[in-house]
Amino acid sequence: YTSITIGDTEIKKNQPLYLNQVVIRDDTDHIWEIVHH
């Protein structure tokens, strides 16, 4: 349910992805909201 978009900084091979470098979309909560309804 998760997708990642790189922010405005290039990330080299083997380098870590830091939270402040990416935009994370997580649809998990939306899925379980659907299940609830």
PDB file of all heavy atoms in Angstrom:
ATOM      1  N   TYR A   1       0.814  -1.211   0.000  1.00  0.00           N
ATOM      2  CA  TYR A   1       0.000   0.000   0.000  1.00  0.00           C
ATOM      3  C   TYR A   1       0.854   1.270   0.000  1.00  0.00           C
ATOM      4  O   TYR A   1       0.326   2.377   0.063  1.00  0.00           O
ATOM      5  CB  TYR A   1      -0.905   0.040   1.237  1.00  0.00           C
ATOM      6  CG  TYR A   1      -1.703  -1.218   1.472  1.00  0.00           C
ATOM      7  CD1 TYR A   1      -1.721  -1.815   2.719  1.00  0.00           C
ATOM      8  CD2 TYR A   1      -2.440  -1.795   0.453  1.00  0.00           C
ATOM      9  CE1 TYR A   1      -2.457  -2.971   2.949  1.00  0.00           C
ATOM     10  CE2 TYR A   1      -3.171  -2.953   0.668  1.00  0.00           C
ATOM     11  CZ  TYR A   1      -3.175  -3.543   1.918  1.00  0.00           C
ATOM     12  OH  TYR A   1      -3.897  -4.680   2.133  1.00  0.00           O
ATOM     13  N   THR A   2       2.193   1.118  -0.047  1.00  0.00           N
ATOM     14  CA  THR A   2       3.099   2.256   0.113  1.00  0.00           C
ATOM     15  C   THR A   2       3.753   2.624  -1.218  1.00  0.00           C
ATOM     16  O   THR A   2       4.176   1.744  -1.980  1.00  0.00           O
ATOM     17  CB  THR A   2       4.203   1.925   1.138  1.00  0.00           C
ATOM     18  OG1 THR A   2       3.605   1.497   2.354  1.00  0.00           O
ATOM     19  CG2 THR A   2       5.074   3.145   1.406  1.00  0.00           C
ATOM     20  N   SER A   3       3.851   3.923  -1.487  1.00  0.00           N
ATOM     21  CA  SER A   3       4.603   4.400  -2.645  1.00  0.00           C
ATOM     22  C   SER A   3       5.528   5.520  -2.196  1.00  0.00           C
ATOM     23  O   SER A   3       5.215   6.262  -1.255  1.00  0.00           O
ATOM     24  CB  SER A   3       3.665   4.894  -3.748  1.00  0.00           C
ATOM     25  OG  SER A   3       2.913   6.003  -3.304  1.00  0.00           O
ATOM     26  N   ILE A   4       6.690   5.635  -2.857  1.00  0.00           N
ATOM     27  CA  ILE A   4       7.699   6.636  -2.481  1.00  0.00           C
ATOM     28  C   ILE A   4       8.058   7.483  -3.697  1.00  0.00           C
ATOM     29  O   ILE A   4       8.291   6.961  -4.789  1.00  0.00           O
ATOM     30  CB  ILE A   4       8.972   5.959  -1.927  1.00  0.00           C
ATOM     31  CG1 ILE A   4       8.672   5.288  -0.580  1.00  0.00           C
ATOM     32  CG2 ILE A   4      10.097   6.976  -1.763  1.00  0.00           C
ATOM     33  CD1 ILE A   4       9.877   4.643   0.057  1.00  0.00           C
ATOM     34  N   THR A   5       8.118   8.786  -3.479  1.00  0.00           N
ATOM     35  CA  THR A   5       8.594   9.722  -4.495  1.00  0.00           C
ATOM     36  C   THR A   5       9.820  10.448  -3.937  1.00  0.00           C
ATOM     37  O   THR A   5       9.784  10.944  -2.793  1.00  0.00           O
ATOM     38  CB  THR A   5       7.506  10.741  -4.870  1.00  0.00           C
ATOM     39  OG1 THR A   5       6.348  10.039  -5.338  1.00  0.00           O
ATOM     40  CG2 THR A   5       8.000  11.696  -5.945  1.00  0.00           C
ATOM     41  N   ILE A   6      10.867  10.500  -4.727  1.00  0.00           N
ATOM     42  CA  ILE A   6      12.090  11.171  -4.289  1.00  0.00           C
ATOM     43  C   ILE A   6      11.854  12.677  -4.270  1.00  0.00           C
ATOM     44  O   ILE A   6      11.205  13.238  -5.165  1.00  0.00           O
ATOM     45  CB  ILE A   6      13.275  10.830  -5.231  1.00  0.00           C
ATOM     46  CG1 ILE A   6      13.439   9.315  -5.336  1.00  0.00           C
ATOM     47  CG2 ILE A   6      14.568  11.473  -4.726  1.00  0.00           C
ATOM     48  CD1 ILE A   6      13.663   8.628  -4.013  1.00  0.00           C
ATOM     49  N   GLY A   7      12.379  13.338  -3.245  1.00  0.00           N
ATOM     50  CA  GLY A   7      12.214  14.780  -3.123  1.00  0.00           C
ATOM     51  C   GLY A   7      13.126  15.528  -4.081  1.00  0.00           C
ATOM     52  O   GLY A   7      13.305  15.132  -5.229  1.00  0.00           O
ATOM     53  N   ASP A   8      13.748  16.594  -3.615  1.00  0.00           N
ATOM     54  CA  ASP A   8      14.567  17.425  -4.500  1.00  0.00           C
ATOM     55  C   ASP A   8      16.053  17.116  -4.387  1.00  0.00           C
ATOM     56  O   ASP A   8      16.905  17.892  -4.846  1.00  0.00           O
ATOM     57  CB  ASP A   8      14.316  18.910  -4.236  1.00  0.00           C
ATOM     58  CG  ASP A   8      14.550  19.266  -2.768  1.00  0.00           C
ATOM     59  OD1 ASP A   8      15.058  18.406  -2.009  1.00  0.00           O
ATOM     60  OD2 ASP A   8      14.211  20.403  -2.388  1.00  0.00           O
ATOM     61  N   THR A   9      16.392  15.970  -3.790  1.00  0.00           N
ATOM     62  CA  THR A   9      17.797  15.600  -3.618  1.00  0.00           C
ATOM     63  C   THR A   9      18.067  14.246  -4.266  1.00  0.00           C
ATOM     64  O   THR A   9      17.321  13.281  -4.045  1.00  0.00           O
ATOM     65  CB  THR A   9      18.167  15.512  -2.119  1.00  0.00           C
ATOM     66  OG1 THR A   9      17.866  16.758  -1.487  1.00  0.00           O
ATOM     67  CG2 THR A   9      19.640  15.183  -1.942  1.00  0.00           C
ATOM     68  N   GLU A  10      19.114  14.170  -5.091  1.00  0.00           N
ATOM     69  CA  GLU A  10      19.491  12.892  -5.690  1.00  0.00           C
ATOM     70  C   GLU A  10      20.017  11.948  -4.616  1.00  0.00           C
ATOM     71  O   GLU A  10      20.716  12.357  -3.684  1.00  0.00           O
ATOM     72  CB  GLU A  10      20.569  13.113  -6.761  1.00  0.00           C
ATOM     73  CG  GLU A  10      21.005  11.821  -7.445  1.00  0.00           C
ATOM     74  CD  GLU A  10      22.150  12.047  -8.418  1.00  0.00           C
ATOM     75  OE1 GLU A  10      22.786  13.132  -8.361  1.00  0.00           O
ATOM     76  OE2 GLU A  10      22.419  11.141  -9.234  1.00  0.00           O
ATOM     77  N   ILE A  11      19.655  10.654  -4.728  1.00  0.00           N
ATOM     78  CA  ILE A  11      20.135   9.650  -3.782  1.00  0.00           C
ATOM     79  C   ILE A  11      20.953   8.634  -4.568  1.00  0.00           C
ATOM     80  O   ILE A  11      20.458   7.997  -5.508  1.00  0.00           O
ATOM     81  CB  ILE A  11      18.965   8.959  -3.060  1.00  0.00           C
ATOM     82  CG1 ILE A  11      18.122   9.994  -2.299  1.00  0.00           C
ATOM     83  CG2 ILE A  11      19.474   7.889  -2.111  1.00  0.00           C
ATOM     84  CD1 ILE A  11      16.873   9.430  -1.665  1.00  0.00           C
ATOM     85  N   LYS A  12      22.221   8.499  -4.200  1.00  0.00           N
ATOM     86  CA  LYS A  12      23.138   7.621  -4.914  1.00  0.00           C
ATOM     87  C   LYS A  12      22.897   6.153  -4.551  1.00  0.00           C
ATOM     88  O   LYS A  12      22.334   5.826  -3.494  1.00  0.00           O
ATOM     89  CB  LYS A  12      24.583   7.996  -4.592  1.00  0.00           C
ATOM     90  CG  LYS A  12      24.994   9.374  -5.099  1.00  0.00           C
ATOM     91  CD  LYS A  12      25.046   9.395  -6.613  1.00  0.00           C
ATOM     92  CE  LYS A  12      25.603  10.715  -7.145  1.00  0.00           C
ATOM     93  NZ  LYS A  12      25.655  10.725  -8.628  1.00  0.00           N
ATOM     94  N   LYS A  13      23.331   5.279  -5.429  1.00  0.00           N
ATOM     95  CA  LYS A  13      23.227   3.839  -5.206  1.00  0.00           C
ATOM     96  C   LYS A  13      23.861   3.451  -3.877  1.00  0.00           C
ATOM     97  O   LYS A  13      24.923   3.968  -3.506  1.00  0.00           O
ATOM     98  CB  LYS A  13      23.903   3.095  -6.356  1.00  0.00           C
ATOM     99  CG  LYS A  13      23.810   1.575  -6.250  1.00  0.00           C
ATOM    100  CD  LYS A  13      24.484   0.896  -7.435  1.00  0.00           C
ATOM    101  CE  LYS A  13      24.402  -0.622  -7.304  1.00  0.00           C
ATOM    102  NZ  LYS A  13      25.050  -1.302  -8.458  1.00  0.00           N
ATOM    103  N   ASN A  14      23.192   2.580  -3.164  1.00  0.00           N
ATOM    104  CA  ASN A  14      23.617   2.044  -1.858  1.00  0.00           C
ATOM    105  C   ASN A  14      23.475   3.027  -0.708  1.00  0.00           C
ATOM    106  O   ASN A  14      23.784   2.695   0.442  1.00  0.00           O
ATOM    107  CB  ASN A  14      25.055   1.511  -1.882  1.00  0.00           C
ATOM    108  CG  ASN A  14      25.202   0.257  -2.720  1.00  0.00           C
ATOM    109  OD1 ASN A  14      24.223  -0.457  -2.934  1.00  0.00           O
ATOM    110  ND2 ASN A  14      26.411  -0.004  -3.199  1.00  0.00           N
ATOM    111  N   GLN A  15      22.989   4.248  -1.004  1.00  0.00           N
ATOM    112  CA  GLN A  15      22.804   5.226   0.055  1.00  0.00           C
ATOM    113  C   GLN A  15      21.429   5.026   0.726  1.00  0.00           C
ATOM    114  O   GLN A  15      20.467   4.571   0.094  1.00  0.00           O
ATOM    115  CB  GLN A  15      22.895   6.645  -0.504  1.00  0.00           C
ATOM    116  CG  GLN A  15      24.291   7.029  -0.947  1.00  0.00           C
ATOM    117  CD  GLN A  15      25.282   6.974   0.210  1.00  0.00           C
ATOM    118  OE1 GLN A  15      25.089   7.607   1.239  1.00  0.00           O
ATOM    119  NE2 GLN A  15      26.342   6.183   0.030  1.00  0.00           N
ATOM    120  N   PRO A  16      21.329   5.370   2.004  1.00  0.00           N
ATOM    121  CA  PRO A  16      20.030   5.257   2.694  1.00  0.00           C
ATOM    122  C   PRO A  16      19.035   6.301   2.202  1.00  0.00           C
ATOM    123  O   PRO A  16      19.439   7.401   1.773  1.00  0.00           O
ATOM    124  CB  PRO A  16      20.378   5.479   4.160  1.00  0.00           C
ATOM    125  CG  PRO A  16      21.644   6.251   4.155  1.00  0.00           C
ATOM    126  CD  PRO A  16      22.398   5.829   2.925  1.00  0.00           C
ATOM    127  N   LEU A  17      17.767   5.950   2.252  1.00  0.00           N
ATOM    128  CA  LEU A  17      16.694   6.911   1.985  1.00  0.00           C
ATOM    129  C   LEU A  17      16.256   7.485   3.321  1.00  0.00           C
ATOM    130  O   LEU A  17      15.769   6.744   4.197  1.00  0.00           O
ATOM    131  CB  LEU A  17      15.500   6.235   1.299  1.00  0.00           C
ATOM    132  CG  LEU A  17      15.545   6.095  -0.228  1.00  0.00           C
ATOM    133  CD1 LEU A  17      16.674   5.146  -0.658  1.00  0.00           C
ATOM    134  CD2 LEU A  17      14.198   5.592  -0.742  1.00  0.00           C
ATOM    135  N   TYR A  18      16.463   8.776   3.531  1.00  0.00           N
ATOM    136  CA  TYR A  18      16.077   9.427   4.773  1.00  0.00           C
ATOM    137  C   TYR A  18      14.661   9.992   4.652  1.00  0.00           C
ATOM    138  O   TYR A  18      14.196  10.345   3.561  1.00  0.00           O
ATOM    139  CB  TYR A  18      17.073  10.528   5.126  1.00  0.00           C
ATOM    140  CG  TYR A  18      18.430  10.003   5.537  1.00  0.00           C
ATOM    141  CD1 TYR A  18      19.511  10.069   4.661  1.00  0.00           C
ATOM    142  CD2 TYR A  18      18.619   9.437   6.801  1.00  0.00           C
ATOM    143  CE1 TYR A  18      20.755   9.590   5.038  1.00  0.00           C
ATOM    144  CE2 TYR A  18      19.870   8.952   7.178  1.00  0.00           C
ATOM    145  CZ  TYR A  18      20.929   9.017   6.288  1.00  0.00           C
ATOM    146  OH  TYR A  18      22.149   8.531   6.662  1.00  0.00           O
ATOM    147  N   LEU A  19      14.000  10.092   5.764  1.00  0.00           N
ATOM    148  CA  LEU A  19      12.617  10.548   5.789  1.00  0.00           C
ATOM    149  C   LEU A  19      12.460  11.947   5.199  1.00  0.00           C
ATOM    150  O   LEU A  19      11.450  12.251   4.563  1.00  0.00           O
ATOM    151  CB  LEU A  19      12.079  10.518   7.223  1.00  0.00           C
ATOM    152  CG  LEU A  19      11.884   9.118   7.832  1.00  0.00           C
ATOM    153  CD1 LEU A  19      11.601   9.217   9.326  1.00  0.00           C
ATOM    154  CD2 LEU A  19      10.722   8.391   7.134  1.00  0.00           C
ATOM    155  N   ASN A  20      13.471  12.804   5.398  1.00  0.00           N
ATOM    156  CA  ASN A  20      13.372  14.176   4.888  1.00  0.00           C
ATOM    157  C   ASN A  20      13.756  14.297   3.421  1.00  0.00           C
ATOM    158  O   ASN A  20      13.761  15.383   2.853  1.00  0.00           O
ATOM    159  CB  ASN A  20      14.224  15.126   5.736  1.00  0.00           C
ATOM    160  CG  ASN A  20      15.710  14.789   5.697  1.00  0.00           C
ATOM    161  OD1 ASN A  20      16.117  13.808   5.084  1.00  0.00           O
ATOM    162  ND2 ASN A  20      16.505  15.605   6.358  1.00  0.00           N
ATOM    163  N   GLN A  21      14.089  13.158   2.782  1.00  0.00           N
ATOM    164  CA  GLN A  21      14.469  13.178   1.375  1.00  0.00           C
ATOM    165  C   GLN A  21      13.372  12.664   0.452  1.00  0.00           C
ATOM    166  O   GLN A  21      13.492  12.749  -0.767  1.00  0.00           O
ATOM    167  CB  GLN A  21      15.718  12.306   1.145  1.00  0.00           C
ATOM    168  CG  GLN A  21      16.975  12.823   1.815  1.00  0.00           C
ATOM    169  CD  GLN A  21      18.129  11.867   1.584  1.00  0.00           C
ATOM    170  OE1 GLN A  21      17.982  10.655   1.704  1.00  0.00           O
ATOM    171  NE2 GLN A  21      19.287  12.422   1.226  1.00  0.00           N
ATOM    172  N   VAL A  22      12.321  12.104   1.022  1.00  0.00           N
ATOM    173  CA  VAL A  22      11.305  11.437   0.202  1.00  0.00           C
ATOM    174  C   VAL A  22       9.903  11.848   0.646  1.00  0.00           C
ATOM    175  O   VAL A  22       9.713  12.383   1.743  1.00  0.00           O
ATOM    176  CB  VAL A  22      11.436   9.892   0.304  1.00  0.00           C
ATOM    177  CG1 VAL A  22      12.785   9.429  -0.206  1.00  0.00           C
ATOM    178  CG2 VAL A  22      11.204   9.425   1.739  1.00  0.00           C
ATOM    179  N   VAL A  23       8.950  11.593  -0.233  1.00  0.00           N
ATOM    180  CA  VAL A  23       7.535  11.748   0.090  1.00  0.00           C
ATOM    181  C   VAL A  23       6.924  10.355   0.076  1.00  0.00           C
ATOM    182  O   VAL A  23       6.981   9.661  -0.955  1.00  0.00           O
ATOM    183  CB  VAL A  23       6.821  12.669  -0.922  1.00  0.00           C
ATOM    184  CG1 VAL A  23       5.324  12.732  -0.591  1.00  0.00           C
ATOM    185  CG2 VAL A  23       7.446  14.056  -0.916  1.00  0.00           C
ATOM    186  N   ILE A  24       6.378   9.943   1.202  1.00  0.00           N
ATOM    187  CA  ILE A  24       5.817   8.591   1.327  1.00  0.00           C
ATOM    188  C   ILE A  24       4.300   8.678   1.326  1.00  0.00           C
ATOM    189  O   ILE A  24       3.717   9.464   2.078  1.00  0.00           O
ATOM    190  CB  ILE A  24       6.297   7.909   2.627  1.00  0.00           C
ATOM    191  CG1 ILE A  24       7.818   7.799   2.630  1.00  0.00           C
ATOM    192  CG2 ILE A  24       5.660   6.528   2.772  1.00  0.00           C
ATOM    193  CD1 ILE A  24       8.371   7.216   3.921  1.00  0.00           C
ATOM    194  N   ARG A  25       3.697   7.878   0.470  1.00  0.00           N
ATOM    195  CA  ARG A  25       2.239   7.755   0.498  1.00  0.00           C
ATOM    196  C   ARG A  25       1.902   6.347   0.984  1.00  0.00           C
ATOM    197  O   ARG A  25       2.312   5.358   0.378  1.00  0.00           O
ATOM    198  CB  ARG A  25       1.630   7.986  -0.880  1.00  0.00           C
ATOM    199  CG  ARG A  25       0.122   7.708  -0.874  1.00  0.00           C
ATOM    200  CD  ARG A  25      -0.543   8.109  -2.154  1.00  0.00           C
ATOM    201  NE  ARG A  25      -1.932   7.681  -2.172  1.00  0.00           N
ATOM    202  CZ  ARG A  25      -2.815   8.026  -3.092  1.00  0.00           C
ATOM    203  NH1 ARG A  25      -2.446   8.827  -4.075  1.00  0.00           N
ATOM    204  NH2 ARG A  25      -4.052   7.588  -3.034  1.00  0.00           N
ATOM    205  N   ASP A  26       1.175   6.281   2.078  1.00  0.00           N
ATOM    206  CA  ASP A  26       0.799   4.999   2.678  1.00  0.00           C
ATOM    207  C   ASP A  26      -0.725   4.907   2.701  1.00  0.00           C
ATOM    208  O   ASP A  26      -1.387   5.677   3.404  1.00  0.00           O
ATOM    209  CB  ASP A  26       1.363   4.886   4.096  1.00  0.00           C
ATOM    210  CG  ASP A  26       1.161   3.502   4.704  1.00  0.00           C
ATOM    211  OD1 ASP A  26       0.438   2.692   4.094  1.00  0.00           O
ATOM    212  OD2 ASP A  26       1.723   3.241   5.779  1.00  0.00           O
ATOM    213  N   ASP A  27      -1.278   3.979   1.919  1.00  0.00           N
ATOM    214  CA  ASP A  27      -2.728   3.821   1.825  1.00  0.00           C
ATOM    215  C   ASP A  27      -3.281   2.810   2.830  1.00  0.00           C
ATOM    216  O   ASP A  27      -4.460   2.452   2.752  1.00  0.00           O
ATOM    217  CB  ASP A  27      -3.117   3.388   0.408  1.00  0.00           C
ATOM    218  CG  ASP A  27      -2.969   4.520  -0.601  1.00  0.00           C
ATOM    219  OD1 ASP A  27      -3.285   5.667  -0.234  1.00  0.00           O
ATOM    220  OD2 ASP A  27      -2.536   4.256  -1.735  1.00  0.00           O
ATOM    221  N   THR A  28      -2.462   2.352   3.756  1.00  0.00           N
ATOM    222  CA  THR A  28      -2.916   1.339   4.718  1.00  0.00           C
ATOM    223  C   THR A  28      -4.140   1.813   5.489  1.00  0.00           C
ATOM    224  O   THR A  28      -5.135   1.081   5.617  1.00  0.00           O
ATOM    225  CB  THR A  28      -1.782   0.993   5.705  1.00  0.00           C
ATOM    226  OG1 THR A  28      -0.636   0.570   4.976  1.00  0.00           O
ATOM    227  CG2 THR A  28      -2.221  -0.101   6.656  1.00  0.00           C
ATOM    228  N   ASP A  29      -4.056   3.039   6.018  1.00  0.00           N
ATOM    229  CA  ASP A  29      -5.189   3.548   6.799  1.00  0.00           C
ATOM    230  C   ASP A  29      -6.449   3.643   5.947  1.00  0.00           C
ATOM    231  O   ASP A  29      -7.552   3.366   6.435  1.00  0.00           O
ATOM    232  CB  ASP A  29      -4.851   4.922   7.393  1.00  0.00           C
ATOM    233  CG  ASP A  29      -3.822   4.833   8.506  1.00  0.00           C
ATOM    234  OD1 ASP A  29      -3.625   3.721   9.039  1.00  0.00           O
ATOM    235  OD2 ASP A  29      -3.220   5.871   8.840  1.00  0.00           O
ATOM    236  N   HIS A  30      -6.281   4.034   4.664  1.00  0.00           N
ATOM    237  CA  HIS A  30      -7.432   4.142   3.766  1.00  0.00           C
ATOM    238  C   HIS A  30      -8.060   2.765   3.538  1.00  0.00           C
ATOM    239  O   HIS A  30      -9.284   2.620   3.540  1.00  0.00           O
ATOM    240  CB  HIS A  30      -7.007   4.760   2.437  1.00  0.00           C
ATOM    241  CG  HIS A  30      -8.169   5.154   1.585  1.00  0.00           C
ATOM    242  ND1 HIS A  30      -8.020   5.710   0.339  1.00  0.00           N
ATOM    243  CD2 HIS A  30      -9.510   5.084   1.791  1.00  0.00           C
ATOM    244  CE1 HIS A  30      -9.213   5.958  -0.183  1.00  0.00           C
ATOM    245  NE2 HIS A  30     -10.130   5.580   0.679  1.00  0.00           N
ATOM    246  N   ILE A  31      -7.214   1.754   3.342  1.00  0.00           N
ATOM    247  CA  ILE A  31      -7.726   0.387   3.151  1.00  0.00           C
ATOM    248  C   ILE A  31      -8.565  -0.043   4.350  1.00  0.00           C
ATOM    249  O   ILE A  31      -9.679  -0.563   4.201  1.00  0.00           O
ATOM    250  CB  ILE A  31      -6.561  -0.604   2.949  1.00  0.00           C
ATOM    251  CG1 ILE A  31      -5.979  -0.443   1.544  1.00  0.00           C
ATOM    252  CG2 ILE A  31      -7.015  -2.041   3.175  1.00  0.00           C
ATOM    253  CD1 ILE A  31      -6.863  -0.968   0.436  1.00  0.00           C
ATOM    254  N   TRP A  32      -8.064   0.199   5.543  1.00  0.00           N
ATOM    255  CA  TRP A  32      -8.795  -0.258   6.736  1.00  0.00           C
ATOM    256  C   TRP A  32     -10.007   0.625   7.027  1.00  0.00           C
ATOM    257  O   TRP A  32     -10.980   0.166   7.628  1.00  0.00           O
ATOM    258  CB  TRP A  32      -7.848  -0.335   7.938  1.00  0.00           C
ATOM    259  CG  TRP A  32      -6.918  -1.497   7.770  1.00  0.00           C
ATOM    260  CD1 TRP A  32      -5.597  -1.455   7.481  1.00  0.00           C
ATOM    261  CD2 TRP A  32      -7.268  -2.878   7.799  1.00  0.00           C
ATOM    262  NE1 TRP A  32      -5.083  -2.708   7.339  1.00  0.00           N
ATOM    263  CE2 TRP A  32      -6.089  -3.606   7.537  1.00  0.00           C
ATOM    264  CE3 TRP A  32      -8.457  -3.576   8.022  1.00  0.00           C
ATOM    265  CZ2 TRP A  32      -6.071  -5.002   7.494  1.00  0.00           C
ATOM    266  CZ3 TRP A  32      -8.438  -4.962   7.980  1.00  0.00           C
ATOM    267  CH2 TRP A  32      -7.262  -5.659   7.720  1.00  0.00           C
ATOM    268  N   GLU A  33      -9.977   1.851   6.563  1.00  0.00           N
ATOM    269  CA  GLU A  33     -11.176   2.685   6.643  1.00  0.00           C
ATOM    270  C   GLU A  33     -12.265   2.114   5.724  1.00  0.00           C
ATOM    271  O   GLU A  33     -13.446   2.060   6.090  1.00  0.00           O
ATOM    272  CB  GLU A  33     -10.837   4.122   6.242  1.00  0.00           C
ATOM    273  CG  GLU A  33     -12.014   5.083   6.349  1.00  0.00           C
ATOM    274  CD  GLU A  33     -11.656   6.489   5.916  1.00  0.00           C
ATOM    275  OE1 GLU A  33     -10.452   6.780   5.760  1.00  0.00           O
ATOM    276  OE2 GLU A  33     -12.580   7.296   5.724  1.00  0.00           O
ATOM    277  N   ILE A  34     -11.856   1.666   4.541  1.00  0.00           N
ATOM    278  CA  ILE A  34     -12.793   1.016   3.623  1.00  0.00           C
ATOM    279  C   ILE A  34     -13.373  -0.240   4.256  1.00  0.00           C
ATOM    280  O   ILE A  34     -14.581  -0.476   4.231  1.00  0.00           O
ATOM    281  CB  ILE A  34     -12.079   0.671   2.295  1.00  0.00           C
ATOM    282  CG1 ILE A  34     -11.800   1.949   1.497  1.00  0.00           C
ATOM    283  CG2 ILE A  34     -12.912  -0.319   1.465  1.00  0.00           C
ATOM    284  CD1 ILE A  34     -10.906   1.732   0.290  1.00  0.00           C
ATOM    285  N   VAL A  35     -12.497  -1.048   4.847  1.00  0.00           N
ATOM    286  CA  VAL A  35     -12.952  -2.283   5.499  1.00  0.00           C
ATOM    287  C   VAL A  35     -13.963  -1.961   6.586  1.00  0.00           C
ATOM    288  O   VAL A  35     -14.981  -2.651   6.744  1.00  0.00           O
ATOM    289  CB  VAL A  35     -11.752  -3.072   6.064  1.00  0.00           C
ATOM    290  CG1 VAL A  35     -12.224  -4.229   6.935  1.00  0.00           C
ATOM    291  CG2 VAL A  35     -10.880  -3.593   4.933  1.00  0.00           C
ATOM    292  N   HIS A  36     -13.704  -0.901   7.346  1.00  0.00           N
ATOM    293  CA  HIS A  36     -14.630  -0.518   8.416  1.00  0.00           C
ATOM    294  C   HIS A  36     -16.011  -0.190   7.840  1.00  0.00           C
ATOM    295  O   HIS A  36     -17.031  -0.662   8.349  1.00  0.00           O
ATOM    296  CB  HIS A  36     -14.084   0.692   9.170  1.00  0.00           C
ATOM    297  CG  HIS A  36     -15.009   1.214  10.220  1.00  0.00           C
ATOM    298  ND1 HIS A  36     -15.028   0.716  11.503  1.00  0.00           N
ATOM    299  CD2 HIS A  36     -15.966   2.179  10.179  1.00  0.00           C
ATOM    300  CE1 HIS A  36     -15.955   1.347  12.205  1.00  0.00           C
ATOM    301  NE2 HIS A  36     -16.534   2.242  11.425  1.00  0.00           N
ATOM    302  N   HIS A  37     -16.053   0.598   6.771  1.00  0.00           N
ATOM    303  CA  HIS A  37     -17.336   0.967   6.169  1.00  0.00           C
ATOM    304  C   HIS A  37     -18.055  -0.257   5.614  1.00  0.00           C
ATOM    305  O   HIS A  37     -19.275  -0.402   5.757  1.00  0.00           O
ATOM    306  CB  HIS A  37     -17.123   1.990   5.059  1.00  0.00           C
ATOM    307  CG  HIS A  37     -16.672   3.332   5.546  1.00  0.00           C
ATOM    308  ND1 HIS A  37     -17.190   3.931   6.678  1.00  0.00           N
ATOM    309  CD2 HIS A  37     -15.736   4.197   5.058  1.00  0.00           C
ATOM    310  CE1 HIS A  37     -16.606   5.106   6.859  1.00  0.00           C
ATOM    311  NE2 HIS A  37     -15.716   5.286   5.905  1.00  0.00           N
TER     312      HIS A  37
END
